[in-house]
N, C-alpha and C. Protein backbone atom coordinates (compact mmCIF):
# COMPACT_ATOMS: atom_id res chain seq x y z
N UNK A 1 40.59 17.98 34.60
CA UNK A 1 39.30 17.32 34.54
C UNK A 1 39.42 15.98 33.85
N UNK A 2 40.26 15.91 32.86
CA UNK A 2 40.45 14.68 32.12
C UNK A 2 41.07 13.61 33.00
N UNK A 3 41.95 13.96 33.80
CA UNK A 3 42.62 13.00 34.68
C UNK A 3 41.66 12.43 35.69
N UNK A 4 40.78 13.25 36.21
CA UNK A 4 39.84 12.75 37.21
C UNK A 4 38.84 11.78 36.59
N UNK A 5 38.48 12.04 35.33
CA UNK A 5 37.57 11.12 34.66
C UNK A 5 38.25 9.79 34.41
N UNK A 6 39.50 9.84 33.99
CA UNK A 6 40.25 8.60 33.75
C UNK A 6 40.45 7.84 35.04
N UNK A 7 40.68 8.56 36.11
CA UNK A 7 40.86 7.92 37.41
C UNK A 7 39.56 7.29 37.87
N UNK A 8 38.46 7.97 37.63
CA UNK A 8 37.17 7.42 38.03
C UNK A 8 36.87 6.16 37.24
N UNK A 9 37.24 6.18 36.00
CA UNK A 9 37.02 5.00 35.20
C UNK A 9 37.91 3.85 35.65
N UNK A 10 39.14 4.19 36.00
CA UNK A 10 40.05 3.12 36.41
C UNK A 10 39.61 2.52 37.73
N UNK A 11 39.01 3.33 38.57
CA UNK A 11 38.53 2.81 39.85
C UNK A 11 37.38 1.85 39.61
N UNK A 12 36.50 2.23 38.74
CA UNK A 12 35.37 1.35 38.45
C UNK A 12 35.82 0.12 37.68
N UNK A 13 36.88 0.26 36.90
CA UNK A 13 37.30 -0.87 36.10
C UNK A 13 38.03 -1.94 36.91
N UNK A 14 38.41 -1.63 38.14
CA UNK A 14 39.07 -2.64 38.98
C UNK A 14 38.08 -3.66 39.50
N UNK A 15 36.81 -3.32 39.47
CA UNK A 15 35.81 -4.25 39.96
C UNK A 15 35.46 -5.17 38.79
N UNK A 16 35.69 -6.46 38.96
CA UNK A 16 35.43 -7.41 37.88
C UNK A 16 34.52 -8.50 38.39
N UNK A 17 33.77 -9.11 37.51
CA UNK A 17 32.92 -10.21 37.94
C UNK A 17 33.77 -11.39 38.42
N UNK A 18 33.13 -12.30 39.07
CA UNK A 18 33.83 -13.45 39.64
C UNK A 18 34.48 -14.26 38.53
N UNK A 19 35.71 -14.66 38.75
CA UNK A 19 36.42 -15.46 37.77
C UNK A 19 37.24 -14.65 36.80
N UNK A 20 37.20 -13.32 36.88
CA UNK A 20 37.94 -12.48 35.93
C UNK A 20 38.81 -11.46 36.68
N UNK A 21 39.40 -11.87 37.74
CA UNK A 21 40.21 -10.95 38.54
C UNK A 21 41.48 -10.56 37.81
N UNK A 22 42.03 -11.41 36.91
CA UNK A 22 43.28 -11.09 36.24
C UNK A 22 43.09 -10.20 35.01
N UNK A 23 41.89 -9.90 34.61
CA UNK A 23 41.61 -9.03 33.46
C UNK A 23 41.38 -7.59 33.87
N UNK A 24 42.03 -7.16 34.94
CA UNK A 24 41.78 -5.80 35.44
C UNK A 24 42.27 -4.72 34.49
N UNK A 25 43.27 -5.00 33.75
CA UNK A 25 43.87 -3.97 32.91
C UNK A 25 43.51 -4.24 31.45
N UNK A 26 42.24 -4.18 31.11
CA UNK A 26 41.79 -4.40 29.73
C UNK A 26 42.15 -3.20 28.87
N UNK A 27 42.55 -3.46 27.64
CA UNK A 27 42.92 -2.39 26.72
C UNK A 27 41.64 -1.85 26.09
N UNK A 28 41.58 -0.53 26.01
CA UNK A 28 40.40 0.12 25.45
C UNK A 28 40.37 -0.10 23.93
N UNK A 29 39.18 -0.37 23.39
CA UNK A 29 39.04 -0.59 21.96
C UNK A 29 38.74 0.70 21.21
N UNK A 30 38.66 1.81 21.90
CA UNK A 30 38.40 3.09 21.26
C UNK A 30 39.66 3.61 20.59
N UNK A 31 39.53 4.13 19.37
CA UNK A 31 40.72 4.67 18.70
C UNK A 31 41.16 5.98 19.35
N UNK A 32 42.44 6.22 19.26
CA UNK A 32 42.97 7.46 19.83
C UNK A 32 43.11 8.46 18.70
N UNK A 33 42.67 9.68 18.96
CA UNK A 33 42.78 10.76 17.97
C UNK A 33 44.08 11.51 18.19
N UNK A 34 44.73 11.87 17.08
CA UNK A 34 45.97 12.62 17.16
C UNK A 34 45.85 13.85 16.28
N UNK A 35 46.56 14.90 16.65
CA UNK A 35 46.57 16.13 15.89
C UNK A 35 47.68 16.02 14.85
N UNK A 36 47.35 16.28 13.58
CA UNK A 36 48.33 16.23 12.51
C UNK A 36 48.82 17.65 12.28
N UNK A 37 50.09 17.80 12.29
CA UNK A 37 50.66 19.14 12.07
C UNK A 37 51.17 19.23 10.65
N UNK A 38 51.35 20.42 10.16
CA UNK A 38 51.86 20.64 8.81
C UNK A 38 50.75 21.11 7.90
N UNK A 39 49.66 20.39 7.79
CA UNK A 39 48.49 20.77 7.01
C UNK A 39 48.79 21.17 5.59
N UNK A 40 48.17 22.26 5.15
CA UNK A 40 48.29 22.71 3.76
C UNK A 40 49.56 23.52 3.53
N UNK A 41 50.13 23.98 4.55
CA UNK A 41 51.30 24.84 4.38
C UNK A 41 52.45 24.06 3.75
N UNK A 42 52.53 22.76 4.00
CA UNK A 42 53.62 21.96 3.47
C UNK A 42 53.39 21.46 2.05
N UNK A 43 52.23 21.59 1.51
CA UNK A 43 51.92 21.07 0.17
C UNK A 43 52.16 22.12 -0.89
N UNK A 44 52.35 21.64 -2.11
CA UNK A 44 52.52 22.53 -3.25
C UNK A 44 51.15 22.99 -3.74
N UNK A 45 51.05 24.23 -4.21
CA UNK A 45 49.78 24.76 -4.69
C UNK A 45 49.30 24.00 -5.91
N UNK A 46 50.16 23.53 -6.79
CA UNK A 46 49.78 22.76 -7.97
C UNK A 46 49.14 21.44 -7.57
N UNK A 47 49.64 20.83 -6.52
CA UNK A 47 49.07 19.58 -6.04
C UNK A 47 47.65 19.83 -5.52
N UNK A 48 47.43 20.95 -4.87
CA UNK A 48 46.10 21.28 -4.36
C UNK A 48 45.11 21.45 -5.51
N UNK A 49 45.54 22.15 -6.57
CA UNK A 49 44.66 22.35 -7.71
C UNK A 49 44.35 21.03 -8.41
N UNK A 50 45.36 20.19 -8.56
CA UNK A 50 45.15 18.89 -9.21
C UNK A 50 44.20 18.05 -8.37
N UNK A 51 44.38 18.08 -7.06
CA UNK A 51 43.49 17.32 -6.18
C UNK A 51 42.08 17.89 -6.27
N UNK A 52 41.96 19.21 -6.34
CA UNK A 52 40.64 19.82 -6.47
C UNK A 52 40.02 19.47 -7.81
N UNK A 53 40.82 19.42 -8.89
CA UNK A 53 40.32 19.04 -10.21
C UNK A 53 39.79 17.61 -10.21
N UNK A 54 40.51 16.72 -9.57
CA UNK A 54 40.05 15.34 -9.47
C UNK A 54 38.78 15.28 -8.64
N UNK A 55 38.76 16.03 -7.55
CA UNK A 55 37.57 16.04 -6.70
C UNK A 55 36.37 16.60 -7.45
N UNK A 56 36.59 17.68 -8.21
CA UNK A 56 35.47 18.27 -8.95
C UNK A 56 34.99 17.32 -10.05
N UNK A 57 35.92 16.59 -10.68
CA UNK A 57 35.53 15.60 -11.69
C UNK A 57 34.72 14.48 -11.05
N UNK A 58 35.15 14.01 -9.91
CA UNK A 58 34.41 12.96 -9.20
C UNK A 58 33.04 13.49 -8.79
N UNK A 59 33.00 14.72 -8.34
CA UNK A 59 31.73 15.31 -7.93
C UNK A 59 30.80 15.45 -9.14
N UNK A 60 31.34 15.88 -10.29
CA UNK A 60 30.53 16.02 -11.50
C UNK A 60 30.03 14.66 -11.97
N UNK A 61 30.89 13.68 -11.94
CA UNK A 61 30.48 12.33 -12.35
C UNK A 61 29.40 11.81 -11.42
N UNK A 62 29.55 12.03 -10.14
CA UNK A 62 28.53 11.54 -9.21
C UNK A 62 27.21 12.29 -9.40
N UNK A 63 27.26 13.57 -9.73
CA UNK A 63 26.04 14.33 -9.99
C UNK A 63 25.38 13.81 -11.26
N UNK A 64 26.20 13.51 -12.27
CA UNK A 64 25.65 12.96 -13.52
C UNK A 64 25.01 11.60 -13.24
N UNK A 65 25.66 10.80 -12.44
CA UNK A 65 25.08 9.50 -12.08
C UNK A 65 23.76 9.67 -11.34
N UNK A 66 23.70 10.61 -10.46
CA UNK A 66 22.47 10.86 -9.70
C UNK A 66 21.37 11.34 -10.64
N UNK A 67 21.72 12.23 -11.57
CA UNK A 67 20.72 12.74 -12.52
C UNK A 67 20.22 11.61 -13.40
N UNK A 68 21.12 10.76 -13.89
CA UNK A 68 20.72 9.63 -14.72
C UNK A 68 19.81 8.68 -13.93
N UNK A 69 20.17 8.43 -12.68
CA UNK A 69 19.35 7.54 -11.85
C UNK A 69 17.96 8.13 -11.62
N UNK A 70 17.89 9.43 -11.36
CA UNK A 70 16.59 10.07 -11.13
C UNK A 70 15.75 10.04 -12.40
N UNK A 71 16.38 10.33 -13.55
CA UNK A 71 15.65 10.29 -14.83
C UNK A 71 15.16 8.87 -15.10
N UNK A 72 16.00 7.88 -14.86
CA UNK A 72 15.61 6.49 -15.06
C UNK A 72 14.43 6.12 -14.16
N UNK A 73 14.50 6.49 -12.90
CA UNK A 73 13.40 6.18 -11.97
C UNK A 73 12.12 6.90 -12.39
N UNK A 74 12.24 8.14 -12.83
CA UNK A 74 11.07 8.89 -13.28
C UNK A 74 10.46 8.23 -14.52
N UNK A 75 11.33 7.82 -15.47
CA UNK A 75 10.84 7.13 -16.67
C UNK A 75 10.18 5.81 -16.31
N UNK A 76 10.76 5.08 -15.37
CA UNK A 76 10.16 3.81 -14.94
C UNK A 76 8.80 4.07 -14.29
N UNK A 77 8.70 5.12 -13.51
CA UNK A 77 7.43 5.47 -12.87
C UNK A 77 6.37 5.82 -13.91
N UNK A 78 6.75 6.63 -14.91
CA UNK A 78 5.80 6.99 -15.97
C UNK A 78 5.41 5.76 -16.80
N UNK A 79 6.38 4.91 -17.10
CA UNK A 79 6.08 3.68 -17.84
C UNK A 79 5.13 2.78 -17.08
N UNK A 80 5.37 2.65 -15.79
CA UNK A 80 4.48 1.83 -14.96
C UNK A 80 3.08 2.42 -14.92
N UNK A 81 3.00 3.73 -14.79
CA UNK A 81 1.70 4.40 -14.77
C UNK A 81 0.96 4.22 -16.10
N UNK A 82 1.69 4.34 -17.21
CA UNK A 82 1.07 4.17 -18.53
C UNK A 82 0.57 2.73 -18.71
N UNK A 83 1.39 1.76 -18.31
CA UNK A 83 0.97 0.36 -18.44
C UNK A 83 -0.24 0.06 -17.57
N UNK A 84 -0.24 0.57 -16.36
CA UNK A 84 -1.37 0.32 -15.46
C UNK A 84 -2.64 0.97 -16.00
N UNK A 85 -2.52 2.18 -16.56
CA UNK A 85 -3.68 2.86 -17.13
C UNK A 85 -4.22 2.07 -18.32
N UNK A 86 -3.32 1.57 -19.18
CA UNK A 86 -3.75 0.79 -20.34
C UNK A 86 -4.42 -0.51 -19.89
N UNK A 87 -3.89 -1.15 -18.86
CA UNK A 87 -4.49 -2.39 -18.37
C UNK A 87 -5.89 -2.14 -17.81
N UNK A 88 -6.08 -1.04 -17.09
CA UNK A 88 -7.40 -0.71 -16.55
C UNK A 88 -8.37 -0.43 -17.69
N UNK A 89 -7.91 0.30 -18.69
CA UNK A 89 -8.78 0.60 -19.84
C UNK A 89 -9.16 -0.68 -20.58
N UNK A 90 -8.20 -1.57 -20.80
CA UNK A 90 -8.50 -2.84 -21.47
C UNK A 90 -9.46 -3.69 -20.64
N UNK A 91 -9.30 -3.67 -19.33
CA UNK A 91 -10.19 -4.42 -18.46
C UNK A 91 -11.61 -3.88 -18.54
N UNK A 92 -11.74 -2.55 -18.56
CA UNK A 92 -13.06 -1.94 -18.66
C UNK A 92 -13.72 -2.29 -20.00
N UNK A 93 -12.95 -2.21 -21.09
CA UNK A 93 -13.49 -2.56 -22.40
C UNK A 93 -13.89 -4.03 -22.46
N UNK A 94 -13.09 -4.90 -21.84
CA UNK A 94 -13.40 -6.33 -21.82
C UNK A 94 -14.70 -6.58 -21.06
N UNK A 95 -14.90 -5.88 -19.95
CA UNK A 95 -16.13 -6.04 -19.18
C UNK A 95 -17.34 -5.60 -20.01
N UNK A 96 -17.20 -4.48 -20.74
CA UNK A 96 -18.30 -4.02 -21.58
C UNK A 96 -18.59 -5.01 -22.71
N UNK A 97 -17.55 -5.54 -23.31
CA UNK A 97 -17.74 -6.51 -24.40
C UNK A 97 -18.40 -7.77 -23.87
N UNK A 98 -17.98 -8.24 -22.70
CA UNK A 98 -18.60 -9.43 -22.11
C UNK A 98 -20.08 -9.19 -21.82
N UNK A 99 -20.41 -7.99 -21.34
CA UNK A 99 -21.81 -7.65 -21.07
C UNK A 99 -22.61 -7.65 -22.37
N UNK A 100 -22.04 -7.04 -23.43
CA UNK A 100 -22.72 -7.02 -24.73
C UNK A 100 -22.90 -8.43 -25.29
N UNK A 101 -21.88 -9.27 -25.15
CA UNK A 101 -21.98 -10.65 -25.64
C UNK A 101 -23.08 -11.40 -24.90
N UNK A 102 -23.15 -11.23 -23.59
CA UNK A 102 -24.19 -11.95 -22.83
C UNK A 102 -25.58 -11.44 -23.22
N UNK A 103 -25.72 -10.12 -23.47
CA UNK A 103 -27.02 -9.60 -23.91
C UNK A 103 -27.39 -10.15 -25.28
N UNK A 104 -26.41 -10.19 -26.19
CA UNK A 104 -26.68 -10.73 -27.53
C UNK A 104 -27.03 -12.21 -27.48
N UNK A 105 -26.34 -12.98 -26.63
CA UNK A 105 -26.67 -14.40 -26.49
C UNK A 105 -28.09 -14.58 -25.96
N UNK A 106 -28.47 -13.73 -25.02
CA UNK A 106 -29.83 -13.81 -24.48
C UNK A 106 -30.85 -13.45 -25.56
N UNK A 107 -30.54 -12.43 -26.39
CA UNK A 107 -31.44 -12.06 -27.49
C UNK A 107 -31.57 -13.20 -28.50
N UNK A 108 -30.45 -13.86 -28.80
CA UNK A 108 -30.49 -14.99 -29.74
C UNK A 108 -31.34 -16.12 -29.16
N UNK A 109 -31.18 -16.39 -27.88
CA UNK A 109 -31.99 -17.45 -27.25
C UNK A 109 -33.47 -17.09 -27.27
N UNK A 110 -33.79 -15.82 -27.00
CA UNK A 110 -35.18 -15.38 -27.04
C UNK A 110 -35.75 -15.50 -28.46
N UNK A 111 -34.98 -15.06 -29.46
CA UNK A 111 -35.45 -15.16 -30.85
C UNK A 111 -35.60 -16.61 -31.28
N UNK A 112 -34.68 -17.47 -30.84
CA UNK A 112 -34.78 -18.89 -31.19
C UNK A 112 -36.01 -19.52 -30.54
N UNK A 113 -36.30 -19.14 -29.29
CA UNK A 113 -37.50 -19.65 -28.64
C UNK A 113 -38.76 -19.16 -29.36
N UNK A 114 -38.75 -17.90 -29.78
CA UNK A 114 -39.88 -17.37 -30.52
C UNK A 114 -40.03 -18.08 -31.87
N UNK A 115 -38.94 -18.34 -32.57
CA UNK A 115 -38.98 -19.06 -33.84
C UNK A 115 -39.49 -20.48 -33.65
N UNK A 116 -39.03 -21.14 -32.61
CA UNK A 116 -39.51 -22.50 -32.33
C UNK A 116 -41.01 -22.51 -32.06
N UNK A 117 -41.47 -21.48 -31.33
CA UNK A 117 -42.91 -21.38 -31.07
C UNK A 117 -43.71 -21.16 -32.34
N UNK A 118 -43.21 -20.29 -33.24
CA UNK A 118 -43.89 -20.05 -34.51
C UNK A 118 -43.89 -21.29 -35.39
N UNK A 119 -42.79 -22.03 -35.41
CA UNK A 119 -42.74 -23.25 -36.21
C UNK A 119 -43.70 -24.30 -35.66
N UNK A 120 -43.84 -24.34 -34.35
CA UNK A 120 -44.76 -25.31 -33.75
C UNK A 120 -46.21 -24.95 -34.06
N UNK A 121 -46.50 -23.65 -34.15
CA UNK A 121 -47.88 -23.24 -34.41
C UNK A 121 -48.19 -23.15 -35.91
N UNK A 122 -47.21 -23.34 -36.76
CA UNK A 122 -47.40 -23.21 -38.21
C UNK A 122 -48.43 -24.20 -38.78
N UNK A 123 -48.38 -25.49 -38.44
CA UNK A 123 -49.41 -26.38 -38.99
C UNK A 123 -50.83 -25.99 -38.58
N UNK A 124 -51.03 -25.57 -37.35
CA UNK A 124 -52.37 -25.16 -36.90
C UNK A 124 -52.84 -23.93 -37.66
N UNK A 125 -51.97 -22.97 -37.84
CA UNK A 125 -52.34 -21.75 -38.56
C UNK A 125 -52.63 -22.05 -40.03
N UNK A 126 -51.88 -22.99 -40.61
CA UNK A 126 -52.12 -23.36 -42.02
C UNK A 126 -53.47 -24.04 -42.17
N UNK A 127 -53.84 -24.91 -41.24
CA UNK A 127 -55.15 -25.57 -41.31
C UNK A 127 -56.28 -24.56 -41.14
N UNK A 128 -56.06 -23.54 -40.25
CA UNK A 128 -57.09 -22.52 -40.07
C UNK A 128 -57.29 -21.71 -41.35
N UNK A 129 -56.22 -21.59 -42.16
CA UNK A 129 -56.31 -20.85 -43.41
C UNK A 129 -56.85 -21.72 -44.55
N UNK A 130 -57.08 -23.00 -44.30
CA UNK A 130 -57.65 -23.88 -45.30
C UNK A 130 -56.60 -24.65 -46.08
N UNK A 131 -55.36 -24.64 -45.68
CA UNK A 131 -54.32 -25.39 -46.38
C UNK A 131 -54.32 -26.83 -45.90
N UNK A 132 -53.92 -27.70 -46.81
CA UNK A 132 -53.82 -29.12 -46.45
C UNK A 132 -52.37 -29.55 -46.54
N UNK A 133 -51.96 -30.43 -45.68
CA UNK A 133 -50.57 -30.90 -45.74
C UNK A 133 -50.32 -31.67 -47.02
N UNK A 134 -49.12 -31.63 -47.51
CA UNK A 134 -48.76 -32.30 -48.75
C UNK A 134 -48.73 -33.80 -48.52
N UNK A 135 -49.20 -34.50 -49.51
CA UNK A 135 -49.21 -35.96 -49.46
C UNK A 135 -48.11 -36.46 -50.40
N UNK A 136 -47.21 -37.28 -49.94
CA UNK A 136 -46.18 -37.88 -50.78
C UNK A 136 -45.00 -36.95 -50.98
N UNK A 137 -44.00 -37.45 -51.76
CA UNK A 137 -42.78 -36.66 -51.96
C UNK A 137 -43.02 -35.50 -52.93
N UNK A 138 -42.22 -34.49 -52.81
CA UNK A 138 -42.30 -33.31 -53.66
C UNK A 138 -41.40 -33.51 -54.87
N UNK A 139 -41.92 -33.21 -56.06
CA UNK A 139 -41.11 -33.32 -57.27
C UNK A 139 -41.39 -32.12 -58.16
N UNK A 140 -40.40 -31.77 -58.95
CA UNK A 140 -40.52 -30.63 -59.86
C UNK A 140 -40.33 -31.12 -61.28
N UNK A 141 -41.25 -30.72 -62.17
CA UNK A 141 -41.18 -31.11 -63.58
C UNK A 141 -40.50 -29.99 -64.34
N UNK A 142 -39.35 -30.28 -64.93
CA UNK A 142 -38.62 -29.27 -65.69
C UNK A 142 -38.77 -29.47 -67.20
N UNK A 143 -39.66 -30.31 -67.66
CA UNK A 143 -39.86 -30.47 -69.09
C UNK A 143 -40.55 -29.22 -69.62
N UNK A 144 -40.06 -28.75 -70.73
CA UNK A 144 -40.63 -27.55 -71.31
C UNK A 144 -40.02 -26.28 -70.73
N UNK A 145 -39.01 -26.37 -69.91
CA UNK A 145 -38.34 -25.18 -69.35
C UNK A 145 -37.46 -24.57 -70.40
N UNK A 146 -37.56 -23.27 -70.57
CA UNK A 146 -36.73 -22.56 -71.52
C UNK A 146 -35.94 -21.50 -70.76
N UNK A 147 -34.64 -21.42 -71.08
CA UNK A 147 -33.79 -20.42 -70.44
C UNK A 147 -34.15 -19.05 -70.95
N UNK A 148 -34.05 -18.03 -70.16
CA UNK A 148 -34.36 -16.67 -70.62
C UNK A 148 -33.40 -16.25 -71.72
N UNK A 149 -33.91 -15.51 -72.71
CA UNK A 149 -33.09 -15.10 -73.85
C UNK A 149 -32.17 -13.94 -73.48
N UNK A 150 -32.60 -13.04 -72.62
CA UNK A 150 -31.79 -11.91 -72.20
C UNK A 150 -31.60 -11.98 -70.69
N UNK A 151 -30.37 -11.72 -70.26
CA UNK A 151 -30.14 -11.83 -68.81
C UNK A 151 -30.83 -10.75 -68.00
N UNK A 152 -31.21 -9.61 -68.59
CA UNK A 152 -31.86 -8.54 -67.84
C UNK A 152 -33.34 -8.80 -67.62
N UNK A 153 -33.96 -9.64 -68.44
CA UNK A 153 -35.39 -9.92 -68.27
C UNK A 153 -35.58 -10.90 -67.13
N UNK A 154 -36.66 -10.71 -66.43
CA UNK A 154 -36.99 -11.66 -65.38
C UNK A 154 -37.61 -12.88 -66.02
N UNK A 155 -37.19 -14.04 -65.55
CA UNK A 155 -37.71 -15.26 -66.16
C UNK A 155 -39.09 -15.56 -65.61
N UNK A 156 -39.98 -15.89 -66.49
CA UNK A 156 -41.33 -16.28 -66.12
C UNK A 156 -41.36 -17.80 -66.03
N UNK A 157 -41.87 -18.34 -64.97
CA UNK A 157 -41.93 -19.80 -64.91
C UNK A 157 -42.91 -20.31 -65.96
N UNK A 158 -42.51 -21.34 -66.62
CA UNK A 158 -43.36 -21.93 -67.66
C UNK A 158 -44.19 -23.05 -67.05
N UNK A 159 -45.36 -23.22 -67.61
CA UNK A 159 -46.25 -24.29 -67.17
C UNK A 159 -45.79 -25.60 -67.78
N UNK A 160 -45.79 -26.66 -67.03
CA UNK A 160 -45.41 -27.95 -67.61
C UNK A 160 -46.41 -28.35 -68.68
N UNK A 161 -45.89 -29.04 -69.69
CA UNK A 161 -46.75 -29.44 -70.80
C UNK A 161 -47.71 -30.53 -70.38
N UNK A 162 -47.28 -31.40 -69.52
CA UNK A 162 -48.13 -32.48 -69.08
C UNK A 162 -48.18 -32.45 -67.55
N UNK A 163 -49.19 -31.82 -66.97
CA UNK A 163 -49.20 -31.66 -65.50
C UNK A 163 -49.44 -32.98 -64.79
N UNK A 164 -49.88 -34.01 -65.42
CA UNK A 164 -50.13 -35.26 -64.72
C UNK A 164 -48.85 -36.07 -64.57
N UNK A 165 -47.84 -35.80 -65.41
CA UNK A 165 -46.59 -36.55 -65.32
C UNK A 165 -45.64 -35.80 -64.41
N UNK A 166 -45.16 -36.49 -63.42
CA UNK A 166 -44.21 -35.88 -62.49
C UNK A 166 -42.90 -36.63 -62.60
N UNK A 167 -41.86 -35.87 -62.90
CA UNK A 167 -40.52 -36.47 -62.97
C UNK A 167 -39.60 -35.64 -62.11
N UNK A 168 -38.62 -36.27 -61.65
CA UNK A 168 -37.65 -35.56 -60.81
C UNK A 168 -36.38 -35.40 -61.61
N UNK A 169 -35.90 -34.18 -61.67
CA UNK A 169 -34.69 -33.92 -62.43
C UNK A 169 -33.60 -33.57 -61.43
N UNK A 170 -32.53 -34.31 -61.46
CA UNK A 170 -31.42 -34.06 -60.53
C UNK A 170 -30.25 -33.51 -61.32
N UNK A 171 -29.49 -32.58 -60.68
CA UNK A 171 -28.29 -32.05 -61.29
C UNK A 171 -28.53 -30.87 -62.22
N UNK A 172 -29.74 -30.39 -62.44
CA UNK A 172 -29.97 -29.22 -63.29
C UNK A 172 -30.51 -28.10 -62.48
């Protein structure tokens, strides 16, 4: 059967495209397989054991390398998961803080607007209560002021001796 297949191939191989008539006998690039005789019967048993010992050491080392690689990949996966979880948590906290800051800024603006409104209405409310605006600069008379004798007693403001004289005391 083998011969007929080779013959069939050789018949087909004689047909060549134009311009390649002299390449009829191309060498096959397929490797040829050969049977090796002798095998294990010719080797020493000690050599077989030594070869097996080397093979088992190589196999153990490769298994250790595989285990180390798997552990490393697993640790990298867990590390990546932990970092991603922490980043999501930080992002969520940042969003909450930004929301709180914007609410507080809005509250401050509302309170400031309310304060501005109260300050604007203060002169009108004072006039309705019968108060009159102050005329001229404000001065404080400290003549006749006595320091409290004991620090635990509350100091009573003293009446100026001459209420018609107004002096300004700076630095006291």
